[in-house]
Amino acid sequence: TLLAFLSVPRFSSFARGAAVIILSDAL
């Protein structure tokens, strides 16, 4: 799902230069 987020150029641009916080247990 994170790769899918990065594969969409408009979504990927949201992360550029941003403070990115992932709320997950990462399991």
mmCIF file of all heavy atoms, coordinates in Angstrom:
data_MODEL
# 
_entry.id   MODEL 
# 
loop_
_atom_site.group_PDB 
_atom_site.id 
_atom_site.type_symbol 
_atom_site.label_atom_id 
_atom_site.label_alt_id 
_atom_site.label_comp_id 
_atom_site.label_asym_id 
_atom_site.label_entity_id 
_atom_site.label_seq_id 
_atom_site.pdbx_PDB_ins_code 
_atom_site.Cartn_x 
_atom_site.Cartn_y 
_atom_site.Cartn_z 
_atom_site.occupancy 
_atom_site.B_iso_or_equiv 
_atom_site.pdbx_formal_charge 
_atom_site.auth_seq_id 
_atom_site.auth_comp_id 
_atom_site.auth_asym_id 
_atom_site.auth_atom_id 
_atom_site.pdbx_PDB_model_num 
ATOM 1   N N   . THR A 1 1  ? 0.825  -1.211 0.000   1.00 0.00 ? 1  THR A N   1 
ATOM 2   C CA  . THR A 1 1  ? 0.000  0.000  0.000   1.00 0.00 ? 1  THR A CA  1 
ATOM 3   C C   . THR A 1 1  ? 0.859  1.261  0.000   1.00 0.00 ? 1  THR A C   1 
ATOM 4   O O   . THR A 1 1  ? 0.515  2.250  -0.647  1.00 0.00 ? 1  THR A O   1 
ATOM 5   C CB  . THR A 1 1  ? -0.955 0.015  1.211   1.00 0.00 ? 1  THR A CB  1 
ATOM 6   O OG1 . THR A 1 1  ? -0.228 -0.256 2.416   1.00 0.00 ? 1  THR A OG1 1 
ATOM 7   C CG2 . THR A 1 1  ? -2.056 -1.009 1.048   1.00 0.00 ? 1  THR A CG2 1 
ATOM 8   N N   . LEU A 1 2  ? 1.982  1.247  0.710   1.00 0.00 ? 2  LEU A N   1 
ATOM 9   C CA  . LEU A 1 2  ? 2.876  2.408  0.672   1.00 0.00 ? 2  LEU A CA  1 
ATOM 10  C C   . LEU A 1 2  ? 3.508  2.561  -0.710  1.00 0.00 ? 2  LEU A C   1 
ATOM 11  O O   . LEU A 1 2  ? 3.697  3.686  -1.194  1.00 0.00 ? 2  LEU A O   1 
ATOM 12  C CB  . LEU A 1 2  ? 3.952  2.284  1.747   1.00 0.00 ? 2  LEU A CB  1 
ATOM 13  C CG  . LEU A 1 2  ? 3.475  2.409  3.199   1.00 0.00 ? 2  LEU A CG  1 
ATOM 14  C CD1 . LEU A 1 2  ? 4.652  2.283  4.163   1.00 0.00 ? 2  LEU A CD1 1 
ATOM 15  C CD2 . LEU A 1 2  ? 2.746  3.729  3.431   1.00 0.00 ? 2  LEU A CD2 1 
ATOM 16  N N   . LEU A 1 3  ? 3.832  1.454  -1.362  1.00 0.00 ? 3  LEU A N   1 
ATOM 17  C CA  . LEU A 1 3  ? 4.345  1.539  -2.730  1.00 0.00 ? 3  LEU A CA  1 
ATOM 18  C C   . LEU A 1 3  ? 3.277  2.054  -3.685  1.00 0.00 ? 3  LEU A C   1 
ATOM 19  O O   . LEU A 1 3  ? 3.573  2.808  -4.623  1.00 0.00 ? 3  LEU A O   1 
ATOM 20  C CB  . LEU A 1 3  ? 4.848  0.167  -3.189  1.00 0.00 ? 3  LEU A CB  1 
ATOM 21  C CG  . LEU A 1 3  ? 6.194  -0.285 -2.622  1.00 0.00 ? 3  LEU A CG  1 
ATOM 22  C CD1 . LEU A 1 3  ? 6.511  -1.707 -3.075  1.00 0.00 ? 3  LEU A CD1 1 
ATOM 23  C CD2 . LEU A 1 3  ? 7.312  0.660  -3.023  1.00 0.00 ? 3  LEU A CD2 1 
ATOM 24  N N   . ALA A 1 4  ? 2.018  1.654  -3.451  1.00 0.00 ? 4  ALA A N   1 
ATOM 25  C CA  . ALA A 1 4  ? 0.925  2.176  -4.269  1.00 0.00 ? 4  ALA A CA  1 
ATOM 26  C C   . ALA A 1 4  ? 0.790  3.684  -4.073  1.00 0.00 ? 4  ALA A C   1 
ATOM 27  O O   . ALA A 1 4  ? 0.543  4.433  -5.029  1.00 0.00 ? 4  ALA A O   1 
ATOM 28  C CB  . ALA A 1 4  ? -0.377 1.467  -3.908  1.00 0.00 ? 4  ALA A CB  1 
ATOM 29  N N   . PHE A 1 5  ? 0.950  4.148  -2.829  1.00 0.00 ? 5  PHE A N   1 
ATOM 30  C CA  . PHE A 1 5  ? 0.923  5.582  -2.555  1.00 0.00 ? 5  PHE A CA  1 
ATOM 31  C C   . PHE A 1 5  ? 2.017  6.304  -3.354  1.00 0.00 ? 5  PHE A C   1 
ATOM 32  O O   . PHE A 1 5  ? 1.774  7.346  -3.976  1.00 0.00 ? 5  PHE A O   1 
ATOM 33  C CB  . PHE A 1 5  ? 1.130  5.814  -1.052  1.00 0.00 ? 5  PHE A CB  1 
ATOM 34  C CG  . PHE A 1 5  ? 1.361  7.247  -0.664  1.00 0.00 ? 5  PHE A CG  1 
ATOM 35  C CD1 . PHE A 1 5  ? 0.294  8.101  -0.450  1.00 0.00 ? 5  PHE A CD1 1 
ATOM 36  C CD2 . PHE A 1 5  ? 2.650  7.743  -0.515  1.00 0.00 ? 5  PHE A CD2 1 
ATOM 37  C CE1 . PHE A 1 5  ? 0.509  9.430  -0.096  1.00 0.00 ? 5  PHE A CE1 1 
ATOM 38  C CE2 . PHE A 1 5  ? 2.874  9.060  -0.153  1.00 0.00 ? 5  PHE A CE2 1 
ATOM 39  C CZ  . PHE A 1 5  ? 1.798  9.899  0.046   1.00 0.00 ? 5  PHE A CZ  1 
ATOM 40  N N   . LEU A 1 6  ? 3.220  5.748  -3.354  1.00 0.00 ? 6  LEU A N   1 
ATOM 41  C CA  . LEU A 1 6  ? 4.338  6.383  -4.044  1.00 0.00 ? 6  LEU A CA  1 
ATOM 42  C C   . LEU A 1 6  ? 4.223  6.276  -5.558  1.00 0.00 ? 6  LEU A C   1 
ATOM 43  O O   . LEU A 1 6  ? 4.844  7.060  -6.283  1.00 0.00 ? 6  LEU A O   1 
ATOM 44  C CB  . LEU A 1 6  ? 5.655  5.747  -3.583  1.00 0.00 ? 6  LEU A CB  1 
ATOM 45  C CG  . LEU A 1 6  ? 6.054  6.044  -2.133  1.00 0.00 ? 6  LEU A CG  1 
ATOM 46  C CD1 . LEU A 1 6  ? 7.159  5.102  -1.681  1.00 0.00 ? 6  LEU A CD1 1 
ATOM 47  C CD2 . LEU A 1 6  ? 6.485  7.490  -1.974  1.00 0.00 ? 6  LEU A CD2 1 
ATOM 48  N N   . SER A 1 7  ? 3.441  5.316  -6.057  1.00 0.00 ? 7  SER A N   1 
ATOM 49  C CA  . SER A 1 7  ? 3.320  5.133  -7.503  1.00 0.00 ? 7  SER A CA  1 
ATOM 50  C C   . SER A 1 7  ? 2.418  6.172  -8.151  1.00 0.00 ? 7  SER A C   1 
ATOM 51  O O   . SER A 1 7  ? 2.444  6.332  -9.370  1.00 0.00 ? 7  SER A O   1 
ATOM 52  C CB  . SER A 1 7  ? 2.782  3.731  -7.802  1.00 0.00 ? 7  SER A CB  1 
ATOM 53  O OG  . SER A 1 7  ? 1.403  3.623  -7.457  1.00 0.00 ? 7  SER A OG  1 
ATOM 54  N N   . VAL A 1 8  ? 1.600  6.878  -7.368  1.00 0.00 ? 8  VAL A N   1 
ATOM 55  C CA  . VAL A 1 8  ? 0.726  7.923  -7.902  1.00 0.00 ? 8  VAL A CA  1 
ATOM 56  C C   . VAL A 1 8  ? 1.450  9.258  -7.755  1.00 0.00 ? 8  VAL A C   1 
ATOM 57  O O   . VAL A 1 8  ? 1.694  9.706  -6.634  1.00 0.00 ? 8  VAL A O   1 
ATOM 58  C CB  . VAL A 1 8  ? -0.621 7.955  -7.159  1.00 0.00 ? 8  VAL A CB  1 
ATOM 59  C CG1 . VAL A 1 8  ? -1.527 9.037  -7.739  1.00 0.00 ? 8  VAL A CG1 1 
ATOM 60  C CG2 . VAL A 1 8  ? -1.312 6.596  -7.235  1.00 0.00 ? 8  VAL A CG2 1 
ATOM 61  N N   . PRO A 1 9  ? 1.837  9.909  -8.845  1.00 0.00 ? 9  PRO A N   1 
ATOM 62  C CA  . PRO A 1 9  ? 2.649  11.126 -8.736  1.00 0.00 ? 9  PRO A CA  1 
ATOM 63  C C   . PRO A 1 9  ? 2.036  12.207 -7.846  1.00 0.00 ? 9  PRO A C   1 
ATOM 64  O O   . PRO A 1 9  ? 2.752  12.867 -7.102  1.00 0.00 ? 9  PRO A O   1 
ATOM 65  C CB  . PRO A 1 9  ? 2.752  11.598 -10.198 1.00 0.00 ? 9  PRO A CB  1 
ATOM 66  C CG  . PRO A 1 9  ? 2.611  10.349 -11.007 1.00 0.00 ? 9  PRO A CG  1 
ATOM 67  C CD  . PRO A 1 9  ? 1.633  9.494  -10.248 1.00 0.00 ? 9  PRO A CD  1 
ATOM 68  N N   . ARG A 1 10 ? 0.715  12.383 -7.908  1.00 0.00 ? 10 ARG A N   1 
ATOM 69  C CA  . ARG A 1 10 ? 0.082  13.423 -7.093  1.00 0.00 ? 10 ARG A CA  1 
ATOM 70  C C   . ARG A 1 10 ? 0.205  13.094 -5.610  1.00 0.00 ? 10 ARG A C   1 
ATOM 71  O O   . ARG A 1 10 ? 0.456  13.972 -4.781  1.00 0.00 ? 10 ARG A O   1 
ATOM 72  C CB  . ARG A 1 10 ? -1.390 13.573 -7.472  1.00 0.00 ? 10 ARG A CB  1 
ATOM 73  C CG  . ARG A 1 10 ? -2.076 14.761 -6.794  1.00 0.00 ? 10 ARG A CG  1 
ATOM 74  C CD  . ARG A 1 10 ? -3.399 15.041 -7.467  1.00 0.00 ? 10 ARG A CD  1 
ATOM 75  N NE  . ARG A 1 10 ? -4.352 13.985 -7.216  1.00 0.00 ? 10 ARG A NE  1 
ATOM 76  C CZ  . ARG A 1 10 ? -5.226 14.002 -6.204  1.00 0.00 ? 10 ARG A CZ  1 
ATOM 77  N NH1 . ARG A 1 10 ? -5.234 15.010 -5.365  1.00 0.00 ? 10 ARG A NH1 1 
ATOM 78  N NH2 . ARG A 1 10 ? -6.075 13.020 -6.040  1.00 0.00 ? 10 ARG A NH2 1 
ATOM 79  N N   . PHE A 1 11 ? 0.045  11.831 -5.240  1.00 0.00 ? 11 PHE A N   1 
ATOM 80  C CA  . PHE A 1 11 ? 0.200  11.436 -3.849  1.00 0.00 ? 11 PHE A CA  1 
ATOM 81  C C   . PHE A 1 11 ? 1.652  11.556 -3.405  1.00 0.00 ? 11 PHE A C   1 
ATOM 82  O O   . PHE A 1 11 ? 1.950  12.034 -2.306  1.00 0.00 ? 11 PHE A O   1 
ATOM 83  C CB  . PHE A 1 11 ? -0.280 10.000 -3.642  1.00 0.00 ? 11 PHE A CB  1 
ATOM 84  C CG  . PHE A 1 11 ? -1.769 9.808  -3.818  1.00 0.00 ? 11 PHE A CG  1 
ATOM 85  C CD1 . PHE A 1 11 ? -2.325 8.540  -3.797  1.00 0.00 ? 11 PHE A CD1 1 
ATOM 86  C CD2 . PHE A 1 11 ? -2.617 10.897 -3.994  1.00 0.00 ? 11 PHE A CD2 1 
ATOM 87  C CE1 . PHE A 1 11 ? -3.689 8.350  -3.949  1.00 0.00 ? 11 PHE A CE1 1 
ATOM 88  C CE2 . PHE A 1 11 ? -3.983 10.719 -4.152  1.00 0.00 ? 11 PHE A CE2 1 
ATOM 89  C CZ  . PHE A 1 11 ? -4.517 9.441  -4.131  1.00 0.00 ? 11 PHE A CZ  1 
ATOM 90  N N   . SER A 1 12 ? 2.550  11.111 -4.257  1.00 0.00 ? 12 SER A N   1 
ATOM 91  C CA  . SER A 1 12 ? 3.968  11.172 -3.920  1.00 0.00 ? 12 SER A CA  1 
ATOM 92  C C   . SER A 1 12 ? 4.419  12.601 -3.673  1.00 0.00 ? 12 SER A C   1 
ATOM 93  O O   . SER A 1 12 ? 5.274  12.863 -2.817  1.00 0.00 ? 12 SER A O   1 
ATOM 94  C CB  . SER A 1 12 ? 4.789  10.543 -5.047  1.00 0.00 ? 12 SER A CB  1 
ATOM 95  O OG  . SER A 1 12 ? 6.160  10.583 -4.760  1.00 0.00 ? 12 SER A OG  1 
ATOM 96  N N   . SER A 1 13 ? 3.822  13.549 -4.388  1.00 0.00 ? 13 SER A N   1 
ATOM 97  C CA  . SER A 1 13 ? 4.196  14.955 -4.193  1.00 0.00 ? 13 SER A CA  1 
ATOM 98  C C   . SER A 1 13 ? 3.791  15.470 -2.813  1.00 0.00 ? 13 SER A C   1 
ATOM 99  O O   . SER A 1 13 ? 4.390  16.415 -2.299  1.00 0.00 ? 13 SER A O   1 
ATOM 100 C CB  . SER A 1 13 ? 3.559  15.834 -5.276  1.00 0.00 ? 13 SER A CB  1 
ATOM 101 O OG  . SER A 1 13 ? 2.145  15.883 -5.131  1.00 0.00 ? 13 SER A OG  1 
ATOM 102 N N   . PHE A 1 14 ? 2.764  14.852 -2.206  1.00 0.00 ? 14 PHE A N   1 
ATOM 103 C CA  . PHE A 1 14 ? 2.367  15.264 -0.856  1.00 0.00 ? 14 PHE A CA  1 
ATOM 104 C C   . PHE A 1 14 ? 3.485  15.003 0.150   1.00 0.00 ? 14 PHE A C   1 
ATOM 105 O O   . PHE A 1 14 ? 3.594  15.699 1.161   1.00 0.00 ? 14 PHE A O   1 
ATOM 106 C CB  . PHE A 1 14 ? 1.116  14.503 -0.403  1.00 0.00 ? 14 PHE A CB  1 
ATOM 107 C CG  . PHE A 1 14 ? -0.130 14.828 -1.189  1.00 0.00 ? 14 PHE A CG  1 
ATOM 108 C CD1 . PHE A 1 14 ? -1.130 13.887 -1.361  1.00 0.00 ? 14 PHE A CD1 1 
ATOM 109 C CD2 . PHE A 1 14 ? -0.302 16.081 -1.758  1.00 0.00 ? 14 PHE A CD2 1 
ATOM 110 C CE1 . PHE A 1 14 ? -2.279 14.185 -2.075  1.00 0.00 ? 14 PHE A CE1 1 
ATOM 111 C CE2 . PHE A 1 14 ? -1.446 16.386 -2.483  1.00 0.00 ? 14 PHE A CE2 1 
ATOM 112 C CZ  . PHE A 1 14 ? -2.433 15.437 -2.640  1.00 0.00 ? 14 PHE A CZ  1 
ATOM 113 N N   . ALA A 1 15 ? 4.304  13.985 -0.105  1.00 0.00 ? 15 ALA A N   1 
ATOM 114 C CA  . ALA A 1 15 ? 5.364  13.615 0.834   1.00 0.00 ? 15 ALA A CA  1 
ATOM 115 C C   . ALA A 1 15 ? 6.625  14.441 0.651   1.00 0.00 ? 15 ALA A C   1 
ATOM 116 O O   . ALA A 1 15 ? 7.472  14.476 1.544   1.00 0.00 ? 15 ALA A O   1 
ATOM 117 C CB  . ALA A 1 15 ? 5.703  12.135 0.685   1.00 0.00 ? 15 ALA A CB  1 
ATOM 118 N N   . ARG A 1 16 ? 6.772  15.111 -0.483  1.00 0.00 ? 16 ARG A N   1 
ATOM 119 C CA  . ARG A 1 16 ? 8.018  15.821 -0.774  1.00 0.00 ? 16 ARG A CA  1 
ATOM 120 C C   . ARG A 1 16 ? 8.188  17.023 0.159   1.00 0.00 ? 16 ARG A C   1 
ATOM 121 O O   . ARG A 1 16 ? 7.378  17.939 0.182   1.00 0.00 ? 16 ARG A O   1 
ATOM 122 C CB  . ARG A 1 16 ? 8.053  16.269 -2.235  1.00 0.00 ? 16 ARG A CB  1 
ATOM 123 C CG  . ARG A 1 16 ? 9.379  16.866 -2.673  1.00 0.00 ? 16 ARG A CG  1 
ATOM 124 C CD  . ARG A 1 16 ? 9.428  17.097 -4.169  1.00 0.00 ? 16 ARG A CD  1 
ATOM 125 N NE  . ARG A 1 16 ? 9.414  15.838 -4.902  1.00 0.00 ? 16 ARG A NE  1 
ATOM 126 C CZ  . ARG A 1 16 ? 8.408  15.440 -5.667  1.00 0.00 ? 16 ARG A CZ  1 
ATOM 127 N NH1 . ARG A 1 16 ? 7.329  16.200 -5.790  1.00 0.00 ? 16 ARG A NH1 1 
ATOM 128 N NH2 . ARG A 1 16 ? 8.459  14.289 -6.291  1.00 0.00 ? 16 ARG A NH2 1 
ATOM 129 N N   . GLY A 1 17 ? 9.223  16.987 0.979   1.00 0.00 ? 17 GLY A N   1 
ATOM 130 C CA  . GLY A 1 17 ? 9.498  18.081 1.908   1.00 0.00 ? 17 GLY A CA  1 
ATOM 131 C C   . GLY A 1 17 ? 8.552  18.153 3.084   1.00 0.00 ? 17 GLY A C   1 
ATOM 132 O O   . GLY A 1 17 ? 8.543  19.141 3.814   1.00 0.00 ? 17 GLY A O   1 
ATOM 133 N N   . ALA A 1 18 ? 7.765  17.102 3.320   1.00 0.00 ? 18 ALA A N   1 
ATOM 134 C CA  . ALA A 1 18 ? 6.747  17.120 4.374   1.00 0.00 ? 18 ALA A CA  1 
ATOM 135 C C   . ALA A 1 18 ? 7.226  16.385 5.616   1.00 0.00 ? 18 ALA A C   1 
ATOM 136 O O   . ALA A 1 18 ? 8.168  15.594 5.579   1.00 0.00 ? 18 ALA A O   1 
ATOM 137 C CB  . ALA A 1 18 ? 5.457  16.484 3.859   1.00 0.00 ? 18 ALA A CB  1 
ATOM 138 N N   . ALA A 1 19 ? 6.544  16.657 6.721   1.00 0.00 ? 19 ALA A N   1 
ATOM 139 C CA  . ALA A 1 19 ? 6.698  15.848 7.927   1.00 0.00 ? 19 ALA A CA  1 
ATOM 140 C C   . ALA A 1 19 ? 5.719  14.682 7.803   1.00 0.00 ? 19 ALA A C   1 
ATOM 141 O O   . ALA A 1 19 ? 4.504  14.875 7.870   1.00 0.00 ? 19 ALA A O   1 
ATOM 142 C CB  . ALA A 1 19 ? 6.397  16.681 9.167   1.00 0.00 ? 19 ALA A CB  1 
ATOM 143 N N   . VAL A 1 20 ? 6.241  13.486 7.593   1.00 0.00 ? 20 VAL A N   1 
ATOM 144 C CA  . VAL A 1 20 ? 5.422  12.299 7.332   1.00 0.00 ? 20 VAL A CA  1 
ATOM 145 C C   . VAL A 1 20 ? 5.385  11.439 8.595   1.00 0.00 ? 20 VAL A C   1 
ATOM 146 O O   . VAL A 1 20 ? 6.430  11.067 9.133   1.00 0.00 ? 20 VAL A O   1 
ATOM 147 C CB  . VAL A 1 20 ? 5.988  11.475 6.157   1.00 0.00 ? 20 VAL A CB  1 
ATOM 148 C CG1 . VAL A 1 20 ? 5.121  10.250 5.897   1.00 0.00 ? 20 VAL A CG1 1 
ATOM 149 C CG2 . VAL A 1 20 ? 6.096  12.337 4.910   1.00 0.00 ? 20 VAL A CG2 1 
ATOM 150 N N   . ILE A 1 21 ? 4.164  11.135 9.057   1.00 0.00 ? 21 ILE A N   1 
ATOM 151 C CA  . ILE A 1 21 ? 3.993  10.307 10.250  1.00 0.00 ? 21 ILE A CA  1 
ATOM 152 C C   . ILE A 1 21 ? 3.134  9.112  9.881   1.00 0.00 ? 21 ILE A C   1 
ATOM 153 O O   . ILE A 1 21 ? 2.003  9.262  9.412   1.00 0.00 ? 21 ILE A O   1 
ATOM 154 C CB  . ILE A 1 21 ? 3.339  11.094 11.397  1.00 0.00 ? 21 ILE A CB  1 
ATOM 155 C CG1 . ILE A 1 21 ? 4.163  12.345 11.732  1.00 0.00 ? 21 ILE A CG1 1 
ATOM 156 C CG2 . ILE A 1 21 ? 3.191  10.217 12.640  1.00 0.00 ? 21 ILE A CG2 1 
ATOM 157 C CD1 . ILE A 1 21 ? 3.533  13.225 12.786  1.00 0.00 ? 21 ILE A CD1 1 
ATOM 158 N N   . ILE A 1 22 ? 3.668  7.912  10.092  1.00 0.00 ? 22 ILE A N   1 
ATOM 159 C CA  . ILE A 1 22 ? 2.930  6.675  9.854   1.00 0.00 ? 22 ILE A CA  1 
ATOM 160 C C   . ILE A 1 22 ? 2.449  6.152  11.205  1.00 0.00 ? 22 ILE A C   1 
ATOM 161 O O   . ILE A 1 22 ? 3.250  5.908  12.111  1.00 0.00 ? 22 ILE A O   1 
ATOM 162 C CB  . ILE A 1 22 ? 3.812  5.626  9.162   1.00 0.00 ? 22 ILE A CB  1 
ATOM 163 C CG1 . ILE A 1 22 ? 4.342  6.177  7.834   1.00 0.00 ? 22 ILE A CG1 1 
ATOM 164 C CG2 . ILE A 1 22 ? 3.038  4.335  8.930   1.00 0.00 ? 22 ILE A CG2 1 
ATOM 165 C CD1 . ILE A 1 22 ? 5.328  5.256  7.149   1.00 0.00 ? 22 ILE A CD1 1 
ATOM 166 N N   . LEU A 1 23 ? 1.139  6.004  11.341  1.00 0.00 ? 23 LEU A N   1 
ATOM 167 C CA  . LEU A 1 23 ? 0.536  5.521  12.583  1.00 0.00 ? 23 LEU A CA  1 
ATOM 168 C C   . LEU A 1 23 ? 0.205  4.046  12.393  1.00 0.00 ? 23 LEU A C   1 
ATOM 169 O O   . LEU A 1 23 ? -0.838 3.693  11.848  1.00 0.00 ? 23 LEU A O   1 
ATOM 170 C CB  . LEU A 1 23 ? -0.715 6.330  12.919  1.00 0.00 ? 23 LEU A CB  1 
ATOM 171 C CG  . LEU A 1 23 ? -0.495 7.849  13.047  1.00 0.00 ? 23 LEU A CG  1 
ATOM 172 C CD1 . LEU A 1 23 ? -1.815 8.585  13.088  1.00 0.00 ? 23 LEU A CD1 1 
ATOM 173 C CD2 . LEU A 1 23 ? 0.319  8.172  14.275  1.00 0.00 ? 23 LEU A CD2 1 
ATOM 174 N N   . SER A 1 24 ? 1.107  3.174  12.836  1.00 0.00 ? 24 SER A N   1 
ATOM 175 C CA  . SER A 1 24 ? 0.947  1.738  12.583  1.00 0.00 ? 24 SER A CA  1 
ATOM 176 C C   . SER A 1 24 ? 1.831  0.948  13.532  1.00 0.00 ? 24 SER A C   1 
ATOM 177 O O   . SER A 1 24 ? 2.834  1.462  14.033  1.00 0.00 ? 24 SER A O   1 
ATOM 178 C CB  . SER A 1 24 ? 1.329  1.416  11.132  1.00 0.00 ? 24 SER A CB  1 
ATOM 179 O OG  . SER A 1 24 ? 1.347  0.027  10.901  1.00 0.00 ? 24 SER A OG  1 
ATOM 180 N N   . ASP A 1 25 ? 1.457  -0.325 13.751  1.00 0.00 ? 25 ASP A N   1 
ATOM 181 C CA  . ASP A 1 25 ? 2.329  -1.204 14.534  1.00 0.00 ? 25 ASP A CA  1 
ATOM 182 C C   . ASP A 1 25 ? 3.433  -1.802 13.681  1.00 0.00 ? 25 ASP A C   1 
ATOM 183 O O   . ASP A 1 25 ? 4.351  -2.449 14.202  1.00 0.00 ? 25 ASP A O   1 
ATOM 184 C CB  . ASP A 1 25 ? 1.521  -2.314 15.214  1.00 0.00 ? 25 ASP A CB  1 
ATOM 185 C CG  . ASP A 1 25 ? 0.613  -3.058 14.234  1.00 0.00 ? 25 ASP A CG  1 
ATOM 186 O OD1 . ASP A 1 25 ? 0.837  -2.942 13.012  1.00 0.00 ? 25 ASP A OD1 1 
ATOM 187 O OD2 . ASP A 1 25 ? -0.307 -3.753 14.694  1.00 0.00 ? 25 ASP A OD2 1 
ATOM 188 N N   . ALA A 1 26 ? 3.355  -1.614 12.353  1.00 0.00 ? 26 ALA A N   1 
ATOM 189 C CA  . ALA A 1 26 ? 4.386  -2.085 11.411  1.00 0.00 ? 26 ALA A CA  1 
ATOM 190 C C   . ALA A 1 26 ? 4.626  -3.586 11.521  1.00 0.00 ? 26 ALA A C   1 
ATOM 191 O O   . ALA A 1 26 ? 5.740  -4.055 11.337  1.00 0.00 ? 26 ALA A O   1 
ATOM 192 C CB  . ALA A 1 26 ? 5.690  -1.326 11.609  1.00 0.00 ? 26 ALA A CB  1 
ATOM 193 N N   . LEU A 1 27 ? 3.574  -4.347 11.809  1.00 0.00 ? 27 LEU A N   1 
ATOM 194 C CA  . LEU A 1 27 ? 3.694  -5.806 11.880  1.00 0.00 ? 27 LEU A CA  1 
ATOM 195 C C   . LEU A 1 27 ? 3.400  -6.376 10.498  1.00 0.00 ? 27 LEU A C   1 
ATOM 196 O O   . LEU A 1 27 ? 2.284  -6.781 10.186  1.00 0.00 ? 27 LEU A O   1 
ATOM 197 C CB  . LEU A 1 27 ? 2.731  -6.368 12.924  1.00 0.00 ? 27 LEU A CB  1 
ATOM 198 C CG  . LEU A 1 27 ? 3.034  -5.959 14.369  1.00 0.00 ? 27 LEU A CG  1 
ATOM 199 C CD1 . LEU A 1 27 ? 1.962  -6.477 15.307  1.00 0.00 ? 27 LEU A CD1 1 
ATOM 200 C CD2 . LEU A 1 27 ? 4.409  -6.466 14.795  1.00 0.00 ? 27 LEU A CD2 1 
# 
